[in-house]
Amino acid sequence: MFDHMGFNVADFARSKAFYLAALAPLGIALRAGGDNWMMLGKDGQGFWLGEGGPAPAPVHIAFVAATRDDVHRFYDAALAAGGVDNGAPGLRDYAPNYYAAFVRDPDGHNIEAVCHAE
């Protein structure tokens, strides 16, 4: 549905390190970047971060994980990169087979990895 999305962050260097580490287990990598911005992506979709204005109020972003193991790898990598636990990996009652983990990024955004496979 989206080609790309993005938002400003308070500290670009800190957020860049967090997102590169946290999203690597999901196969999401750096596609382009500059001194105070970057585009991460996979399969033609993009996620943009920049330091060009105030960071927005916390948002929620859910990234697709291919497997439940990927959800665990995301969660572990995000915590190791400075994220804050906001829901350990596990099944949720949002939909059948909704397996997800949640962390807060350095700006307080709720970042999720979700797998819908069994």
C-alpha atoms as a PDB file:
ATOM      1  CA  MET A   1       0.000   0.000   0.000  1.00  0.00           C
ATOM      2  CA  PHE A   2       2.824   2.429   0.817  1.00  0.00           C
ATOM      3  CA  ASP A   3       5.837   3.189  -1.327  1.00  0.00           C
ATOM      4  CA  HIS A   4       7.608   4.714   1.649  1.00  0.00           C
ATOM      5  CA  MET A   5       6.987   6.517   4.911  1.00  0.00           C
ATOM      6  CA  GLY A   6       9.117   8.450   7.310  1.00  0.00           C
ATOM      7  CA  PHE A   7       9.483  10.881  10.155  1.00  0.00           C
ATOM      8  CA  ASN A   8      12.011  13.070  11.937  1.00  0.00           C
ATOM      9  CA  VAL A   9      14.012  11.844  14.907  1.00  0.00           C
ATOM     10  CA  ALA A  10      15.593  13.772  17.768  1.00  0.00           C
ATOM     11  CA  ASP A  11      19.092  12.277  17.411  1.00  0.00           C
ATOM     12  CA  PHE A  12      19.816  10.904  13.948  1.00  0.00           C
ATOM     13  CA  ALA A  13      23.040   9.060  14.828  1.00  0.00           C
ATOM     14  CA  ARG A  14      21.367   7.259  17.747  1.00  0.00           C
ATOM     15  CA  SER A  15      18.275   6.370  15.704  1.00  0.00           C
ATOM     16  CA  LYS A  16      20.353   5.247  12.719  1.00  0.00           C
ATOM     17  CA  ALA A  17      22.323   2.808  14.879  1.00  0.00           C
ATOM     18  CA  PHE A  18      19.122   1.517  16.498  1.00  0.00           C
ATOM     19  CA  TYR A  19      17.197   0.923  13.255  1.00  0.00           C
ATOM     20  CA  LEU A  20      20.108  -0.615  11.340  1.00  0.00           C
ATOM     21  CA  ALA A  21      20.560  -3.162  14.145  1.00  0.00           C
ATOM     22  CA  ALA A  22      16.889  -3.762  14.983  1.00  0.00           C
ATOM     23  CA  LEU A  23      15.659  -4.211  11.403  1.00  0.00           C
ATOM     24  CA  ALA A  24      18.588  -6.275  10.078  1.00  0.00           C
ATOM     25  CA  PRO A  25      17.029  -9.569  11.279  1.00  0.00           C
ATOM     26  CA  LEU A  26      13.994  -8.739   9.100  1.00  0.00           C
ATOM     27  CA  GLY A  27      16.154  -8.238   5.993  1.00  0.00           C
ATOM     28  CA  ILE A  28      15.582  -4.472   6.044  1.00  0.00           C
ATOM     29  CA  ALA A  29      18.775  -2.596   5.171  1.00  0.00           C
ATOM     30  CA  LEU A  30      20.120   0.824   4.246  1.00  0.00           C
ATOM     31  CA  ARG A  31      19.120   1.822   0.687  1.00  0.00           C
ATOM     32  CA  ALA A  32      20.297   5.447   0.632  1.00  0.00           C
ATOM     33  CA  GLY A  33      21.341   8.152   3.018  1.00  0.00           C
ATOM     34  CA  GLY A  34      23.084  11.412   3.764  1.00  0.00           C
ATOM     35  CA  ASP A  35      24.479  13.331   6.715  1.00  0.00           C
ATOM     36  CA  ASN A  36      21.155  13.548   8.542  1.00  0.00           C
ATOM     37  CA  TRP A  37      18.777  11.169   6.763  1.00  0.00           C
ATOM     38  CA  MET A  38      18.531   7.567   5.592  1.00  0.00           C
ATOM     39  CA  MET A  39      16.175   5.305   3.682  1.00  0.00           C
ATOM     40  CA  LEU A  40      15.906   1.715   4.855  1.00  0.00           C
ATOM     41  CA  GLY A  41      14.076  -0.795   2.755  1.00  0.00           C
ATOM     42  CA  LYS A  42      13.269  -4.203   1.393  1.00  0.00           C
ATOM     43  CA  ASP A  43      11.401  -5.358  -1.715  1.00  0.00           C
ATOM     44  CA  GLY A  44      10.912  -1.840  -3.075  1.00  0.00           C
ATOM     45  CA  GLN A  45       9.360  -0.432   0.094  1.00  0.00           C
ATOM     46  CA  GLY A  46      11.058   2.252   2.137  1.00  0.00           C
ATOM     47  CA  PHE A  47      11.275   3.636   5.617  1.00  0.00           C
ATOM     48  CA  TRP A  48      12.808   7.117   5.918  1.00  0.00           C
ATOM     49  CA  LEU A  49      14.335   8.749   9.002  1.00  0.00           C
ATOM     50  CA  GLY A  50      15.764  12.219   9.230  1.00  0.00           C
ATOM     51  CA  GLU A  51      16.851  15.012  11.478  1.00  0.00           C
ATOM     52  CA  GLY A  52      15.110  17.931   9.817  1.00  0.00           C
ATOM     53  CA  GLY A  53      12.638  19.115  12.412  1.00  0.00           C
ATOM     54  CA  PRO A  54      11.018  18.054  15.647  1.00  0.00           C
ATOM     55  CA  ALA A  55      10.328  14.386  16.205  1.00  0.00           C
ATOM     56  CA  PRO A  56       6.591  13.634  16.117  1.00  0.00           C
ATOM     57  CA  ALA A  57       4.600  12.360  19.049  1.00  0.00           C
ATOM     58  CA  PRO A  58       5.166   8.613  19.359  1.00  0.00           C
ATOM     59  CA  VAL A  59       3.865   6.587  16.431  1.00  0.00           C
ATOM     60  CA  HIS A  60       3.352   2.869  15.929  1.00  0.00           C
ATOM     61  CA  ILE A  61       5.044   1.037  13.053  1.00  0.00           C
ATOM     62  CA  ALA A  62       4.717  -2.704  12.416  1.00  0.00           C
ATOM     63  CA  PHE A  63       7.299  -4.419  10.206  1.00  0.00           C
ATOM     64  CA  VAL A  64       6.610  -7.783   8.560  1.00  0.00           C
ATOM     65  CA  ALA A  65       8.612 -10.752   9.815  1.00  0.00           C
ATOM     66  CA  ALA A  66       8.735 -13.875   7.664  1.00  0.00           C
ATOM     67  CA  THR A  67       8.964 -16.266  10.622  1.00  0.00           C
ATOM     68  CA  ARG A  68       8.389 -16.314  14.350  1.00  0.00           C
ATOM     69  CA  ASP A  69      12.137 -16.789  14.780  1.00  0.00           C
ATOM     70  CA  ASP A  70      12.605 -13.479  12.927  1.00  0.00           C
ATOM     71  CA  VAL A  71      10.307 -11.821  15.468  1.00  0.00           C
ATOM     72  CA  HIS A  72      12.591 -13.084  18.243  1.00  0.00           C
ATOM     73  CA  ARG A  73      15.726 -11.953  16.388  1.00  0.00           C
ATOM     74  CA  PHE A  74      14.203  -8.485  15.864  1.00  0.00           C
ATOM     75  CA  TYR A  75      13.279  -8.218  19.541  1.00  0.00           C
ATOM     76  CA  ASP A  76      16.710  -9.309  20.759  1.00  0.00           C
ATOM     77  CA  ALA A  77      18.532  -7.026  18.304  1.00  0.00           C
ATOM     78  CA  ALA A  78      16.319  -4.049  19.170  1.00  0.00           C
ATOM     79  CA  LEU A  79      16.889  -4.484  22.906  1.00  0.00           C
ATOM     80  CA  ALA A  80      20.644  -4.889  22.372  1.00  0.00           C
ATOM     81  CA  ALA A  81      20.612  -1.653  20.330  1.00  0.00           C
ATOM     82  CA  GLY A  82      19.000   0.327  23.167  1.00  0.00           C
ATOM     83  CA  GLY A  83      15.304  -0.308  22.583  1.00  0.00           C
ATOM     84  CA  VAL A  84      12.957  -0.681  25.545  1.00  0.00           C
ATOM     85  CA  ASP A  85      10.711  -3.714  25.938  1.00  0.00           C
ATOM     86  CA  ASN A  86       7.076  -3.007  25.132  1.00  0.00           C
ATOM     87  CA  GLY A  87       5.866  -6.591  24.671  1.00  0.00           C
ATOM     88  CA  ALA A  88       7.950  -9.764  24.423  1.00  0.00           C
ATOM     89  CA  PRO A  89       7.528 -12.110  21.428  1.00  0.00           C
ATOM     90  CA  GLY A  90       4.325 -14.098  21.549  1.00  0.00           C
ATOM     91  CA  LEU A  91       0.866 -14.698  20.166  1.00  0.00           C
ATOM     92  CA  ARG A  92      -1.588 -11.821  20.350  1.00  0.00           C
ATOM     93  CA  ASP A  93      -5.372 -11.973  20.118  1.00  0.00           C
ATOM     94  CA  TYR A  94      -5.538  -9.312  17.362  1.00  0.00           C
ATOM     95  CA  ALA A  95      -5.975 -11.948  14.623  1.00  0.00           C
ATOM     96  CA  PRO A  96      -5.329 -15.666  14.114  1.00  0.00           C
ATOM     97  CA  ASN A  97      -1.597 -16.484  14.153  1.00  0.00           C
ATOM     98  CA  TYR A  98      -0.658 -12.887  15.045  1.00  0.00           C
ATOM     99  CA  TYR A  99       2.820 -13.411  16.510  1.00  0.00           C
ATOM    100  CA  ALA A 100       4.568 -10.172  17.434  1.00  0.00           C
ATOM    101  CA  ALA A 101       7.068  -8.340  19.604  1.00  0.00           C
ATOM    102  CA  PHE A 102       7.134  -4.655  20.512  1.00  0.00           C
ATOM    103  CA  VAL A 103       9.929  -2.279  21.521  1.00  0.00           C
ATOM    104  CA  ARG A 104      10.182   1.455  22.092  1.00  0.00           C
ATOM    105  CA  ASP A 105      12.819   3.158  19.941  1.00  0.00           C
ATOM    106  CA  PRO A 106      15.059   6.019  21.199  1.00  0.00           C
ATOM    107  CA  ASP A 107      12.254   8.558  20.565  1.00  0.00           C
ATOM    108  CA  GLY A 108       9.566   6.450  22.248  1.00  0.00           C
ATOM    109  CA  HIS A 109       7.963   5.146  19.045  1.00  0.00           C
ATOM    110  CA  ASN A 110       6.325   1.720  19.362  1.00  0.00           C
ATOM    111  CA  ILE A 111       8.124  -0.526  16.861  1.00  0.00           C
ATOM    112  CA  GLU A 112       6.697  -3.969  16.155  1.00  0.00           C
ATOM    113  CA  ALA A 113       7.732  -7.037  14.198  1.00  0.00           C
ATOM    114  CA  VAL A 114       4.797  -9.275  13.287  1.00  0.00           C
ATOM    115  CA  CYS A 115       4.523 -12.685  11.665  1.00  0.00           C
ATOM    116  CA  HIS A 116       1.154 -14.052  10.515  1.00  0.00           C
ATOM    117  CA  ALA A 117       2.449 -17.546   9.663  1.00  0.00           C
ATOM    118  CA  GLU A 118       2.038 -20.514  11.970  1.00  0.00           C
END
